[in-house]
N, C-alpha and C. Protein backbone atom coordinates (compact mmCIF):
# COMPACT_ATOMS: atom_id res chain seq x y z
N UNK A 1 8.93 -5.50 -4.86
CA UNK A 1 8.59 -4.12 -4.71
C UNK A 1 9.29 -3.62 -3.45
N UNK A 2 9.61 -2.33 -3.44
CA UNK A 2 10.21 -1.71 -2.26
C UNK A 2 9.34 -0.52 -1.86
N UNK A 3 9.12 -0.37 -0.58
CA UNK A 3 8.37 0.77 -0.05
C UNK A 3 9.38 1.67 0.65
N UNK A 4 9.37 2.95 0.25
CA UNK A 4 10.33 3.89 0.82
C UNK A 4 9.63 4.97 1.62
N UNK A 5 10.29 5.38 2.67
CA UNK A 5 9.83 6.49 3.50
C UNK A 5 11.05 7.34 3.85
N UNK A 6 10.99 8.60 3.53
CA UNK A 6 12.07 9.54 3.81
C UNK A 6 13.42 9.05 3.27
N UNK A 7 13.38 8.49 2.06
CA UNK A 7 14.60 8.08 1.39
C UNK A 7 15.17 6.74 1.83
N UNK A 8 14.45 6.02 2.68
CA UNK A 8 14.91 4.72 3.15
C UNK A 8 13.89 3.64 2.83
N UNK A 9 14.38 2.47 2.50
CA UNK A 9 13.49 1.34 2.26
C UNK A 9 13.00 0.82 3.61
N UNK A 10 11.68 0.83 3.80
CA UNK A 10 11.11 0.34 5.05
C UNK A 10 10.59 -1.08 4.92
N UNK A 11 10.37 -1.49 3.66
CA UNK A 11 9.88 -2.85 3.42
C UNK A 11 10.15 -3.21 1.97
N UNK A 12 10.47 -4.47 1.74
CA UNK A 12 10.64 -4.94 0.36
C UNK A 12 10.29 -6.42 0.30
N UNK A 13 9.84 -6.83 -0.88
CA UNK A 13 9.48 -8.22 -1.08
C UNK A 13 8.70 -8.39 -2.36
N UNK A 14 8.14 -9.57 -2.55
CA UNK A 14 7.29 -9.83 -3.71
C UNK A 14 6.04 -8.97 -3.60
N UNK A 15 5.54 -8.51 -4.73
CA UNK A 15 4.39 -7.60 -4.75
C UNK A 15 3.23 -8.17 -3.94
N UNK A 16 2.82 -9.40 -4.25
CA UNK A 16 1.68 -10.00 -3.55
C UNK A 16 1.93 -10.10 -2.05
N UNK A 17 3.14 -10.42 -1.67
CA UNK A 17 3.47 -10.57 -0.26
C UNK A 17 3.35 -9.23 0.48
N UNK A 18 3.90 -8.19 -0.10
CA UNK A 18 3.87 -6.87 0.54
C UNK A 18 2.44 -6.32 0.58
N UNK A 19 1.70 -6.49 -0.51
CA UNK A 19 0.34 -5.94 -0.56
C UNK A 19 -0.63 -6.73 0.31
N UNK A 20 -0.47 -8.04 0.37
CA UNK A 20 -1.40 -8.88 1.12
C UNK A 20 -1.06 -8.97 2.60
N UNK A 21 0.20 -8.79 2.95
CA UNK A 21 0.62 -8.96 4.34
C UNK A 21 1.76 -8.00 4.67
N UNK A 22 1.47 -6.68 4.67
CA UNK A 22 2.53 -5.72 4.95
C UNK A 22 3.03 -5.86 6.39
N UNK A 23 4.32 -5.70 6.57
CA UNK A 23 4.94 -5.80 7.90
C UNK A 23 5.19 -4.42 8.52
N UNK A 24 5.67 -3.49 7.73
CA UNK A 24 6.03 -2.17 8.23
C UNK A 24 4.77 -1.33 8.47
N UNK A 25 4.78 -0.59 9.56
CA UNK A 25 3.64 0.29 9.87
C UNK A 25 3.40 1.31 8.76
N UNK A 26 4.48 1.84 8.18
CA UNK A 26 4.33 2.81 7.10
C UNK A 26 3.61 2.19 5.91
N UNK A 27 3.96 0.97 5.56
CA UNK A 27 3.31 0.28 4.45
C UNK A 27 1.84 0.06 4.75
N UNK A 28 1.52 -0.34 5.96
CA UNK A 28 0.13 -0.55 6.35
C UNK A 28 -0.67 0.74 6.22
N UNK A 29 -0.11 1.86 6.68
CA UNK A 29 -0.80 3.15 6.58
C UNK A 29 -0.95 3.56 5.12
N UNK A 30 0.09 3.39 4.36
CA UNK A 30 0.05 3.74 2.94
C UNK A 30 -1.05 2.98 2.22
N UNK A 31 -1.15 1.69 2.47
CA UNK A 31 -2.18 0.87 1.82
C UNK A 31 -3.58 1.22 2.31
N UNK A 32 -3.71 1.59 3.58
CA UNK A 32 -5.04 1.93 4.10
C UNK A 32 -5.52 3.27 3.55
N UNK A 33 -4.60 4.11 3.09
CA UNK A 33 -4.95 5.42 2.54
C UNK A 33 -5.19 5.39 1.04
N UNK A 34 -5.06 4.23 0.43
CA UNK A 34 -5.25 4.09 -1.01
C UNK A 34 -6.72 3.84 -1.32
N UNK A 35 -7.34 4.69 -2.16
CA UNK A 35 -8.74 4.46 -2.49
C UNK A 35 -8.93 3.18 -3.29
N UNK A 36 -10.06 2.56 -3.09
CA UNK A 36 -10.34 1.33 -3.84
C UNK A 36 -11.02 1.66 -5.16
N UNK A 37 -10.90 0.78 -6.11
CA UNK A 37 -11.55 0.96 -7.40
C UNK A 37 -13.06 0.98 -7.23
N UNK A 38 -13.58 0.14 -6.34
CA UNK A 38 -15.03 0.08 -6.12
C UNK A 38 -15.54 1.42 -5.60
N UNK A 39 -14.82 2.04 -4.68
CA UNK A 39 -15.24 3.34 -4.14
C UNK A 39 -15.21 4.41 -5.22
N UNK A 40 -14.20 4.39 -6.07
CA UNK A 40 -14.10 5.37 -7.14
C UNK A 40 -15.24 5.20 -8.14
N UNK A 41 -15.59 3.96 -8.46
CA UNK A 41 -16.69 3.72 -9.40
C UNK A 41 -18.02 4.14 -8.79
N UNK A 42 -18.22 3.89 -7.52
CA UNK A 42 -19.46 4.28 -6.85
C UNK A 42 -19.59 5.80 -6.82
N UNK A 43 -18.49 6.49 -6.58
CA UNK A 43 -18.51 7.95 -6.54
C UNK A 43 -18.81 8.55 -7.91
N UNK A 44 -18.41 7.86 -8.96
CA UNK A 44 -18.62 8.34 -10.32
C UNK A 44 -20.08 8.21 -10.77
N UNK A 45 -20.83 7.39 -10.07
CA UNK A 45 -22.23 7.17 -10.47
C UNK A 45 -23.13 8.26 -10.05
């Protein structure tokens, strides 16, 4: 997978590697801003 910011690749690697241990600050922020499935299900109740 590749993570892009402003048209440039800021991080790339195997999906599990990037998602489980992001190196780039942009990737870390992007992942922290992603809602979880559990939160979405709780909100739907």
